């Protein structure tokens, strides 16, 4: 026999059944999960671009600013702030703290790469 206990609104409080209590996803919960997942793909994109692009050689160094491999996402954001179109500044402003966090997590990778390969983009090298 399964006993179910209800609160004063008729909602089930607990039950003696052996069924596992699985989380129930509502539309708002799914929307929040989708939003957080989408946000995680966007934030720190300068770090992803410089780390992955630097490893494959696909990162564009056509600008004149130096970008080291250590904190490369932050350096790329700052460079884009100064050289990119003004309408991109809000995205750069939003991305900067997330790139700083991601760059910090990637220090064990980026420090040896900096020592081995040097800067990702040398920038203007004036004599």
C-alpha atoms as a PDB file:
ATOM      1  CA  UNK A   1       0.000   0.000   0.000  1.00  0.00           C
ATOM      2  CA  UNK A   2       1.290   3.450  -0.942  1.00  0.00           C
ATOM      3  CA  UNK A   3       0.523   6.330   1.387  1.00  0.00           C
ATOM      4  CA  UNK A   4       0.608   9.886   0.053  1.00  0.00           C
ATOM      5  CA  UNK A   5       0.631  12.956   2.230  1.00  0.00           C
ATOM      6  CA  UNK A   6      -0.812  16.227   0.927  1.00  0.00           C
ATOM      7  CA  UNK A   7      -0.345  19.781   2.132  1.00  0.00           C
ATOM      8  CA  UNK A   8      -3.261  22.199   2.670  1.00  0.00           C
ATOM      9  CA  UNK A   9      -3.312  23.107  -1.063  1.00  0.00           C
ATOM     10  CA  UNK A  10      -3.583  19.502  -2.139  1.00  0.00           C
ATOM     11  CA  UNK A  11       0.001  19.240  -3.389  1.00  0.00           C
ATOM     12  CA  UNK A  12       1.897  16.097  -2.611  1.00  0.00           C
ATOM     13  CA  UNK A  13       4.419  16.540   0.217  1.00  0.00           C
ATOM     14  CA  UNK A  14       5.814  13.057   0.378  1.00  0.00           C
ATOM     15  CA  UNK A  15       4.906   9.552  -0.487  1.00  0.00           C
ATOM     16  CA  UNK A  16       5.814   6.121   0.781  1.00  0.00           C
ATOM     17  CA  UNK A  17       6.280   4.898  -2.784  1.00  0.00           C
ATOM     18  CA  UNK A  18       9.696   3.684  -3.860  1.00  0.00           C
ATOM     19  CA  UNK A  19       9.679   5.767  -7.073  1.00  0.00           C
ATOM     20  CA  UNK A  20      12.607   8.189  -7.355  1.00  0.00           C
ATOM     21  CA  UNK A  21      11.758  11.846  -7.105  1.00  0.00           C
ATOM     22  CA  UNK A  22      13.004  13.180 -10.447  1.00  0.00           C
ATOM     23  CA  UNK A  23      13.240  16.921 -11.120  1.00  0.00           C
ATOM     24  CA  UNK A  24      10.406  18.283 -13.182  1.00  0.00           C
ATOM     25  CA  UNK A  25      11.377  20.805 -15.823  1.00  0.00           C
ATOM     26  CA  UNK A  26       8.896  23.504 -16.598  1.00  0.00           C
ATOM     27  CA  UNK A  27       9.025  25.803 -19.592  1.00  0.00           C
ATOM     28  CA  UNK A  28      10.751  28.509 -17.540  1.00  0.00           C
ATOM     29  CA  UNK A  29      13.376  26.064 -16.259  1.00  0.00           C
ATOM     30  CA  UNK A  30      14.120  24.863 -19.786  1.00  0.00           C
ATOM     31  CA  UNK A  31      14.333  28.445 -21.019  1.00  0.00           C
ATOM     32  CA  UNK A  32      16.753  29.308 -18.209  1.00  0.00           C
ATOM     33  CA  UNK A  33      18.906  26.253 -18.980  1.00  0.00           C
ATOM     34  CA  UNK A  34      18.953  27.152 -22.679  1.00  0.00           C
ATOM     35  CA  UNK A  35      19.843  30.763 -21.867  1.00  0.00           C
ATOM     36  CA  UNK A  36      22.706  29.749 -19.558  1.00  0.00           C
ATOM     37  CA  UNK A  37      24.006  27.260 -22.123  1.00  0.00           C
ATOM     38  CA  UNK A  38      23.887  29.904 -24.867  1.00  0.00           C
ATOM     39  CA  UNK A  39      25.599  32.427 -22.615  1.00  0.00           C
ATOM     40  CA  UNK A  40      28.357  29.942 -21.842  1.00  0.00           C
ATOM     41  CA  UNK A  41      29.053  29.605 -25.565  1.00  0.00           C
ATOM     42  CA  UNK A  42      29.358  33.361 -26.042  1.00  0.00           C
ATOM     43  CA  UNK A  43      31.273  34.517 -22.985  1.00  0.00           C
ATOM     44  CA  UNK A  44      35.023  34.443 -23.116  1.00  0.00           C
ATOM     45  CA  UNK A  45      34.911  34.201 -26.899  1.00  0.00           C
ATOM     46  CA  UNK A  46      38.129  36.203 -27.270  1.00  0.00           C
ATOM     47  CA  UNK A  47      39.899  33.643 -25.122  1.00  0.00           C
ATOM     48  CA  UNK A  48      38.521  30.819 -27.238  1.00  0.00           C
ATOM     49  CA  UNK A  49      39.442  32.609 -30.463  1.00  0.00           C
ATOM     50  CA  UNK A  50      43.012  33.316 -29.394  1.00  0.00           C
ATOM     51  CA  UNK A  51      43.625  29.944 -27.739  1.00  0.00           C
ATOM     52  CA  UNK A  52      42.148  27.782 -30.485  1.00  0.00           C
ATOM     53  CA  UNK A  53      43.204  30.107 -33.304  1.00  0.00           C
ATOM     54  CA  UNK A  54      46.695  30.394 -31.836  1.00  0.00           C
ATOM     55  CA  UNK A  55      47.027  26.621 -31.646  1.00  0.00           C
ATOM     56  CA  UNK A  56      45.889  26.121 -35.250  1.00  0.00           C
ATOM     57  CA  UNK A  57      47.521  29.254 -36.683  1.00  0.00           C
ATOM     58  CA  UNK A  58      44.169  30.666 -37.771  1.00  0.00           C
ATOM     59  CA  UNK A  59      44.079  33.757 -35.538  1.00  0.00           C
ATOM     60  CA  UNK A  60      44.116  37.029 -37.488  1.00  0.00           C
ATOM     61  CA  UNK A  61      47.006  39.284 -36.473  1.00  0.00           C
ATOM     62  CA  UNK A  62      46.323  41.995 -39.040  1.00  0.00           C
ATOM     63  CA  UNK A  63      45.989  44.684 -36.361  1.00  0.00           C
ATOM     64  CA  UNK A  64      49.030  46.506 -35.013  1.00  0.00           C
ATOM     65  CA  UNK A  65      48.773  45.616 -31.337  1.00  0.00           C
ATOM     66  CA  UNK A  66      50.855  43.001 -29.554  1.00  0.00           C
ATOM     67  CA  UNK A  67      48.943  40.013 -28.165  1.00  0.00           C
ATOM     68  CA  UNK A  68      50.829  37.683 -25.816  1.00  0.00           C
ATOM     69  CA  UNK A  69      49.636  34.120 -25.325  1.00  0.00           C
ATOM     70  CA  UNK A  70      49.213  34.734 -21.578  1.00  0.00           C
ATOM     71  CA  UNK A  71      45.884  36.531 -21.077  1.00  0.00           C
ATOM     72  CA  UNK A  72      45.455  36.568 -24.851  1.00  0.00           C
ATOM     73  CA  UNK A  73      41.667  36.913 -24.624  1.00  0.00           C
ATOM     74  CA  UNK A  74      41.950  40.062 -22.508  1.00  0.00           C
ATOM     75  CA  UNK A  75      44.620  41.469 -24.841  1.00  0.00           C
ATOM     76  CA  UNK A  76      42.460  40.705 -27.892  1.00  0.00           C
ATOM     77  CA  UNK A  77      39.457  42.396 -26.238  1.00  0.00           C
ATOM     78  CA  UNK A  78      41.501  45.504 -25.456  1.00  0.00           C
ATOM     79  CA  UNK A  79      42.926  45.536 -28.971  1.00  0.00           C
ATOM     80  CA  UNK A  80      39.453  45.193 -30.477  1.00  0.00           C
ATOM     81  CA  UNK A  81      38.188  47.979 -28.212  1.00  0.00           C
ATOM     82  CA  UNK A  82      40.787  50.329 -29.717  1.00  0.00           C
ATOM     83  CA  UNK A  83      40.814  49.139 -33.335  1.00  0.00           C
ATOM     84  CA  UNK A  84      37.351  47.637 -33.879  1.00  0.00           C
ATOM     85  CA  UNK A  85      34.137  49.369 -34.854  1.00  0.00           C
ATOM     86  CA  UNK A  86      32.478  51.431 -32.097  1.00  0.00           C
ATOM     87  CA  UNK A  87      29.301  49.329 -32.223  1.00  0.00           C
ATOM     88  CA  UNK A  88      31.302  46.306 -30.985  1.00  0.00           C
ATOM     89  CA  UNK A  89      32.376  47.996 -27.763  1.00  0.00           C
ATOM     90  CA  UNK A  90      29.384  46.771 -25.753  1.00  0.00           C
ATOM     91  CA  UNK A  91      30.169  43.155 -26.669  1.00  0.00           C
ATOM     92  CA  UNK A  92      33.831  43.684 -25.814  1.00  0.00           C
ATOM     93  CA  UNK A  93      32.832  45.232 -22.477  1.00  0.00           C
ATOM     94  CA  UNK A  94      30.615  42.219 -21.687  1.00  0.00           C
ATOM     95  CA  UNK A  95      33.216  39.692 -22.857  1.00  0.00           C
ATOM     96  CA  UNK A  96      36.208  41.196 -21.022  1.00  0.00           C
ATOM     97  CA  UNK A  97      35.573  39.826 -17.476  1.00  0.00           C
ATOM     98  CA  UNK A  98      34.660  36.391 -18.830  1.00  0.00           C
ATOM     99  CA  UNK A  99      37.803  36.339 -20.965  1.00  0.00           C
ATOM    100  CA  UNK A 100      39.845  37.322 -17.900  1.00  0.00           C
ATOM    101  CA  UNK A 101      38.332  34.422 -15.957  1.00  0.00           C
ATOM    102  CA  UNK A 102      38.877  31.948 -18.810  1.00  0.00           C
ATOM    103  CA  UNK A 103      42.438  33.215 -19.369  1.00  0.00           C
ATOM    104  CA  UNK A 104      43.169  32.662 -15.688  1.00  0.00           C
ATOM    105  CA  UNK A 105      41.946  29.078 -15.929  1.00  0.00           C
ATOM    106  CA  UNK A 106      44.144  28.552 -18.997  1.00  0.00           C
ATOM    107  CA  UNK A 107      47.375  29.834 -17.387  1.00  0.00           C
ATOM    108  CA  UNK A 108      48.831  26.310 -16.968  1.00  0.00           C
ATOM    109  CA  UNK A 109      48.522  25.963 -20.760  1.00  0.00           C
ATOM    110  CA  UNK A 110      49.322  29.509 -21.903  1.00  0.00           C
ATOM    111  CA  UNK A 111      52.502  30.099 -19.864  1.00  0.00           C
ATOM    112  CA  UNK A 112      54.420  27.164 -21.409  1.00  0.00           C
ATOM    113  CA  UNK A 113      53.085  28.108 -24.865  1.00  0.00           C
ATOM    114  CA  UNK A 114      54.310  31.694 -24.356  1.00  0.00           C
ATOM    115  CA  UNK A 115      57.766  30.418 -23.386  1.00  0.00           C
ATOM    116  CA  UNK A 116      57.891  28.003 -26.318  1.00  0.00           C
ATOM    117  CA  UNK A 117      56.342  30.080 -29.136  1.00  0.00           C
ATOM    118  CA  UNK A 118      56.422  33.704 -27.936  1.00  0.00           C
ATOM    119  CA  UNK A 119      53.648  36.208 -28.580  1.00  0.00           C
ATOM    120  CA  UNK A 120      50.568  35.234 -30.524  1.00  0.00           C
ATOM    121  CA  UNK A 121      50.732  38.522 -32.443  1.00  0.00           C
ATOM    122  CA  UNK A 122      54.004  40.477 -32.318  1.00  0.00           C
ATOM    123  CA  UNK A 123      52.383  43.828 -33.160  1.00  0.00           C
ATOM    124  CA  UNK A 124      54.506  46.776 -34.273  1.00  0.00           C
ATOM    125  CA  UNK A 125      58.139  45.925 -33.765  1.00  0.00           C
ATOM    126  CA  UNK A 126      59.943  49.229 -33.887  1.00  0.00           C
ATOM    127  CA  UNK A 127      63.735  49.113 -33.816  1.00  0.00           C
END
